[in-house]
Amino acid sequence: MSKRNTQQRRHTIITELNKIGKVSVEQLANQFNTSEVTIRKDLSALETSGLLLRRLGGAISLPSEIIEPKSKKISKRKLAIANEAIKLIKDHYRIIIDSGRTTSALVKQLEDKKGLIVMTNSLGIASDLRELENEPVILMTGGTWDPHSEAFQGQVAEQVLRSYDFDQLFIGADGIDIERGTTTFNELIGLSRVMAEVSREVIVMVESDKIARKIPNLELPWQKIHTLITDDGLSEEVKTQLLKQNINLVIAK
């Protein structure tokens, strides 16, 4: 098959995916009268180019959070949340900072803390930690690089984490299910759960517009979460519902 035909087929796949949100290998093979092996190669190439997410038997369109260009500039809401989170950290604590734009806002707030040991699965966070004048001891999980979360994941990372114990975990979320807990678009949730297992206190940092979002994958149930830090965009009704989950709710001004 010519390169032009391959490009046309892949362009059509993306166009259709953006319309309906999900496609299957079987459906596409029938549509283009080609083999499922060829379609899987197409989906793999499109995922590598950052145009879709592979799922068992097919693919889904990218969530808007992934499509939006990432900026080094930190929003005022993220900074406000980080300013509350830093109050919970004591000198000489051992902490985990999970990958994410909200959690990364915490790094520069660590400048005045002494004797910290910080584990992360994010190269970006590790790099920012090295720029601190009062540089903490930095630990990396290692593992398999996931381009969508821009962080290390997988069994190797989980094994490394189980070799330690930590005072606190600071973690973000794609969404908050008021009844269930934190949710995510990413199906790689094993590492987040191990992070929570090896930490005495789990602190979720999330902006208020992500609360009550409907996202399919449950990451951490409320039973694993001690503190939720968010901004002051919550309604009184949502605050009441969250407090019923027996968590410490911190509202950043």
Protein backbone atom coordinates (compact mmCIF):
# COMPACT_ATOMS: atom_id res chain seq x y z
CA MET A 1 0.00 0.00 0.00
CA SER A 2 1.34 3.45 -0.90
CA LYS A 3 2.49 5.99 1.66
CA ARG A 4 -0.18 8.39 0.37
CA ASN A 5 -2.96 5.86 1.01
CA THR A 6 -1.62 5.27 4.52
CA GLN A 7 -1.60 9.01 5.26
CA GLN A 8 -5.13 9.43 3.88
CA ARG A 9 -6.41 6.53 5.97
CA ARG A 10 -4.83 7.87 9.15
CA HIS A 11 -6.21 11.34 8.46
CA THR A 12 -9.68 9.82 8.06
CA ILE A 13 -9.29 7.86 11.31
CA ILE A 14 -8.49 11.06 13.25
CA THR A 15 -11.35 12.97 11.60
CA GLU A 16 -13.82 10.23 12.53
CA LEU A 17 -12.40 9.84 16.03
CA ASN A 18 -12.79 13.55 16.74
CA LYS A 19 -16.44 13.31 15.71
CA ILE A 20 -17.50 10.25 17.71
CA GLY A 21 -14.78 10.00 20.38
CA LYS A 22 -14.07 6.28 20.05
CA VAL A 23 -13.21 3.75 17.32
CA SER A 24 -12.54 0.02 17.26
CA VAL A 25 -9.91 -1.93 15.33
CA GLU A 26 -12.55 -4.25 13.89
CA GLN A 27 -14.75 -1.38 12.71
CA LEU A 28 -11.83 0.40 11.02
CA ALA A 29 -10.55 -2.77 9.34
CA ASN A 30 -13.99 -3.32 7.79
CA GLN A 31 -14.33 0.34 6.83
CA PHE A 32 -10.99 0.48 5.01
CA ASN A 33 -11.08 -3.14 3.79
CA THR A 34 -7.70 -3.86 5.34
CA SER A 35 -6.26 -6.11 8.05
CA GLU A 36 -6.53 -5.50 11.79
CA VAL A 37 -2.72 -5.63 11.95
CA THR A 38 -2.54 -2.62 9.61
CA ILE A 39 -5.09 -0.70 11.68
CA ARG A 40 -3.18 -1.41 14.90
CA LYS A 41 -0.03 -0.02 13.25
CA ASP A 42 -2.02 3.09 12.27
CA LEU A 43 -3.30 3.60 15.82
CA SER A 44 0.15 3.05 17.27
CA ALA A 45 1.68 5.63 14.90
CA LEU A 46 -1.09 8.14 15.65
CA GLU A 47 -0.65 7.66 19.40
CA THR A 48 3.10 8.22 19.09
CA SER A 49 2.30 11.47 17.28
CA GLY A 50 0.08 12.50 20.20
CA LEU A 51 -3.18 12.42 18.22
CA LEU A 52 -5.13 9.75 20.15
CA LEU A 53 -5.03 7.33 23.08
CA ARG A 54 -4.91 3.57 22.49
CA ARG A 55 -7.45 1.44 24.35
CA LEU A 56 -8.09 -2.30 24.30
CA GLY A 57 -9.57 -3.11 20.89
CA GLY A 58 -9.38 0.45 19.57
CA ALA A 59 -8.72 4.07 20.49
CA ILE A 60 -10.30 7.16 22.02
CA SER A 61 -9.84 10.85 21.30
CA LEU A 62 -7.54 12.91 23.49
CA PRO A 63 -9.08 14.60 26.54
CA SER A 64 -8.98 18.40 26.28
CA GLU A 65 -6.54 18.55 29.22
CA ILE A 66 -3.93 16.71 27.14
CA ILE A 67 -4.58 18.70 23.96
CA GLU A 68 -4.10 22.05 25.70
CA PRO A 69 -0.49 23.24 25.43
CA LYS A 70 1.37 22.99 28.71
CA SER A 71 2.78 26.24 30.03
CA LYS A 72 5.49 26.85 32.59
CA LYS A 73 3.39 29.72 33.95
CA ILE A 74 1.53 28.67 37.09
CA SER A 75 -2.03 29.94 37.56
CA LYS A 76 -3.05 31.90 40.64
CA ARG A 77 -5.36 29.08 41.71
CA LYS A 78 -2.57 26.51 41.57
CA LEU A 79 -0.29 28.82 43.53
CA ALA A 80 -2.99 29.37 46.18
CA ILE A 81 -3.42 25.60 46.54
CA ALA A 82 0.36 25.12 46.78
CA ASN A 83 0.57 27.84 49.45
CA GLU A 84 -1.85 25.84 51.61
CA ALA A 85 -0.09 22.53 50.90
CA ILE A 86 3.30 23.85 52.03
CA LYS A 87 1.87 24.57 55.49
CA LEU A 88 1.44 20.82 56.01
CA ILE A 89 5.11 19.97 55.37
CA LYS A 90 7.60 19.98 58.25
CA ASP A 91 11.39 20.06 58.11
CA HIS A 92 13.02 16.66 57.56
CA TYR A 93 9.81 15.12 56.16
CA ARG A 94 9.94 12.40 53.51
CA ILE A 95 7.40 13.26 50.82
CA ILE A 96 6.23 12.13 47.38
CA ILE A 97 5.23 14.68 44.75
CA ASP A 98 3.33 13.02 41.93
CA SER A 99 3.53 14.35 38.38
CA GLY A 100 1.09 17.09 37.42
CA ARG A 101 0.82 20.83 36.89
CA THR A 102 -0.90 21.51 40.21
CA THR A 103 1.52 19.43 42.25
CA SER A 104 4.50 20.97 40.44
CA ALA A 105 3.40 24.36 41.79
CA LEU A 106 4.42 23.07 45.22
CA VAL A 107 8.11 22.72 44.35
CA LYS A 108 9.19 26.35 44.56
CA GLN A 109 7.40 26.64 47.91
CA LEU A 110 9.86 24.10 49.38
CA GLU A 111 12.75 26.58 49.39
CA ASP A 112 12.55 27.26 53.12
CA LYS A 113 12.16 23.64 54.23
CA LYS A 114 15.20 21.88 55.66
CA GLY A 115 16.30 18.28 55.36
CA LEU A 116 13.56 17.10 53.01
CA ILE A 117 13.66 13.84 51.09
CA VAL A 118 11.49 14.10 47.97
CA MET A 119 10.47 11.22 45.71
CA THR A 120 8.88 11.92 42.33
CA ASN A 121 8.05 10.13 39.08
CA SER A 122 8.33 13.38 37.09
CA LEU A 123 11.52 14.51 35.34
CA GLY A 124 10.17 18.07 35.30
CA ILE A 125 9.61 18.13 39.05
CA ALA A 126 13.03 16.57 39.68
CA SER A 127 14.61 19.25 37.52
CA ASP A 128 12.79 22.03 39.40
CA LEU A 129 13.86 20.52 42.73
CA ARG A 130 17.52 20.69 41.65
CA GLU A 131 17.17 24.44 41.07
CA LEU A 132 16.24 25.10 44.72
CA GLU A 133 18.96 26.81 46.71
CA ASN A 134 18.09 24.59 49.67
CA GLU A 135 18.08 21.43 47.53
CA PRO A 136 16.41 18.38 49.11
CA VAL A 137 17.54 14.79 48.70
CA ILE A 138 15.88 13.76 45.41
CA LEU A 139 14.68 10.23 44.68
CA MET A 140 13.28 9.05 41.32
CA THR A 141 10.96 6.10 40.83
CA GLY A 142 12.34 5.07 37.46
CA GLY A 143 10.13 2.70 35.47
CA THR A 144 8.44 2.96 32.08
CA TRP A 145 8.04 6.41 30.57
CA ASP A 146 4.40 7.33 29.86
CA PRO A 147 4.24 10.21 27.34
CA HIS A 148 0.65 11.11 28.24
CA SER A 149 1.24 11.75 31.93
CA GLU A 150 4.86 12.78 31.18
CA ALA A 151 5.97 10.60 34.06
CA PHE A 152 7.36 7.18 34.91
CA GLN A 153 4.85 4.38 35.55
CA GLY A 154 4.79 0.60 35.75
CA GLN A 155 5.94 -2.28 37.93
CA VAL A 156 9.55 -1.14 38.30
CA ALA A 157 8.39 2.22 39.67
CA GLU A 158 5.99 0.45 42.03
CA GLN A 159 8.76 -1.85 43.33
CA VAL A 160 11.05 1.11 44.00
CA LEU A 161 8.33 2.89 45.98
CA ARG A 162 7.66 -0.18 48.13
CA SER A 163 11.28 -0.02 49.29
CA TYR A 164 10.55 3.21 51.19
CA ASP A 165 8.01 4.76 53.50
CA PHE A 166 6.93 8.41 53.41
CA ASP A 167 5.27 10.97 55.62
CA GLN A 168 3.14 12.54 52.88
CA LEU A 169 1.97 12.13 49.30
CA PHE A 170 0.97 15.18 47.26
CA ILE A 171 -1.08 14.13 44.26
CA GLY A 172 -3.41 15.77 41.74
CA ALA A 173 -6.41 14.40 39.82
CA ASP A 174 -8.20 14.84 36.50
CA GLY A 175 -11.46 14.87 38.42
CA ILE A 176 -13.13 14.36 41.78
CA ASP A 177 -16.10 12.03 42.07
CA ILE A 178 -17.90 13.23 45.18
CA GLU A 179 -19.14 9.73 45.97
CA ARG A 180 -16.05 7.69 45.02
CA GLY A 181 -12.81 9.69 45.19
CA THR A 182 -10.21 10.90 42.68
CA THR A 183 -10.60 9.95 39.02
CA THR A 184 -8.37 10.07 35.96
CA PHE A 185 -8.36 9.67 32.18
CA ASN A 186 -5.20 7.57 32.44
CA GLU A 187 -5.71 3.83 32.94
CA LEU A 188 -2.24 3.54 34.53
CA ILE A 189 -3.42 3.97 38.11
CA GLY A 190 -1.29 1.31 39.85
CA LEU A 191 1.56 3.67 40.76
CA SER A 192 -0.77 6.24 42.33
CA ARG A 193 -2.25 3.55 44.55
CA VAL A 194 1.18 2.33 45.64
CA MET A 195 2.17 5.94 46.41
CA ALA A 196 -0.83 6.14 48.73
CA GLU A 197 -0.04 2.78 50.33
CA VAL A 198 3.50 3.83 51.33
CA SER A 199 2.48 7.27 52.66
CA ARG A 200 1.11 8.05 56.11
CA GLU A 201 -0.87 11.02 54.80
CA VAL A 202 -2.38 11.52 51.32
CA ILE A 203 -3.00 15.12 50.23
CA VAL A 204 -4.93 15.73 47.01
CA MET A 205 -4.34 19.08 45.29
CA VAL A 206 -7.03 19.96 42.76
CA GLU A 207 -8.74 23.03 41.34
CA SER A 208 -12.44 23.42 42.09
CA ASP A 209 -13.56 23.15 38.46
CA LYS A 210 -12.44 19.50 38.45
CA ILE A 211 -14.76 18.57 41.31
CA ALA A 212 -17.88 16.60 40.30
CA ARG A 213 -16.39 15.84 36.86
CA LYS A 214 -17.55 12.55 35.36
CA ILE A 215 -14.39 10.60 34.50
CA PRO A 216 -14.43 6.77 34.30
CA ASN A 217 -11.26 5.58 36.04
CA LEU A 218 -11.27 5.62 39.86
CA GLU A 219 -7.75 6.34 41.11
CA LEU A 220 -7.92 6.76 44.90
CA PRO A 221 -11.06 6.03 46.96
CA TRP A 222 -11.92 8.43 49.78
CA GLN A 223 -10.77 5.88 52.34
CA LYS A 224 -7.17 6.47 51.16
CA ILE A 225 -7.37 10.29 51.23
CA HIS A 226 -6.72 12.42 54.31
CA THR A 227 -6.76 16.00 52.96
CA LEU A 228 -8.23 17.70 49.88
CA ILE A 229 -6.89 21.16 49.04
CA THR A 230 -8.83 23.20 46.50
CA ASP A 231 -9.63 26.84 45.71
CA ASP A 232 -12.63 28.90 46.82
CA GLY A 233 -14.74 28.19 43.75
CA LEU A 234 -16.78 25.50 45.55
CA SER A 235 -20.46 25.91 46.31
CA GLU A 236 -21.64 25.37 49.89
CA GLU A 237 -23.54 22.28 48.74
CA VAL A 238 -20.41 20.66 47.31
CA LYS A 239 -18.42 21.54 50.45
CA THR A 240 -21.03 19.80 52.58
CA GLN A 241 -20.96 16.70 50.36
CA LEU A 242 -17.15 16.52 50.50
CA LEU A 243 -17.04 16.84 54.27
CA LYS A 244 -19.31 13.81 54.52
CA GLN A 245 -16.37 11.76 53.20
CA ASN A 246 -14.50 12.31 56.50
CA ILE A 247 -11.62 14.23 54.93
CA ASN A 248 -9.84 17.40 55.94
CA LEU A 249 -11.08 19.98 53.40
CA VAL A 250 -8.79 22.99 52.93
CA ILE A 251 -10.05 25.95 50.89
CA ALA A 252 -7.31 28.16 49.44
CA LYS A 253 -8.23 31.84 49.07
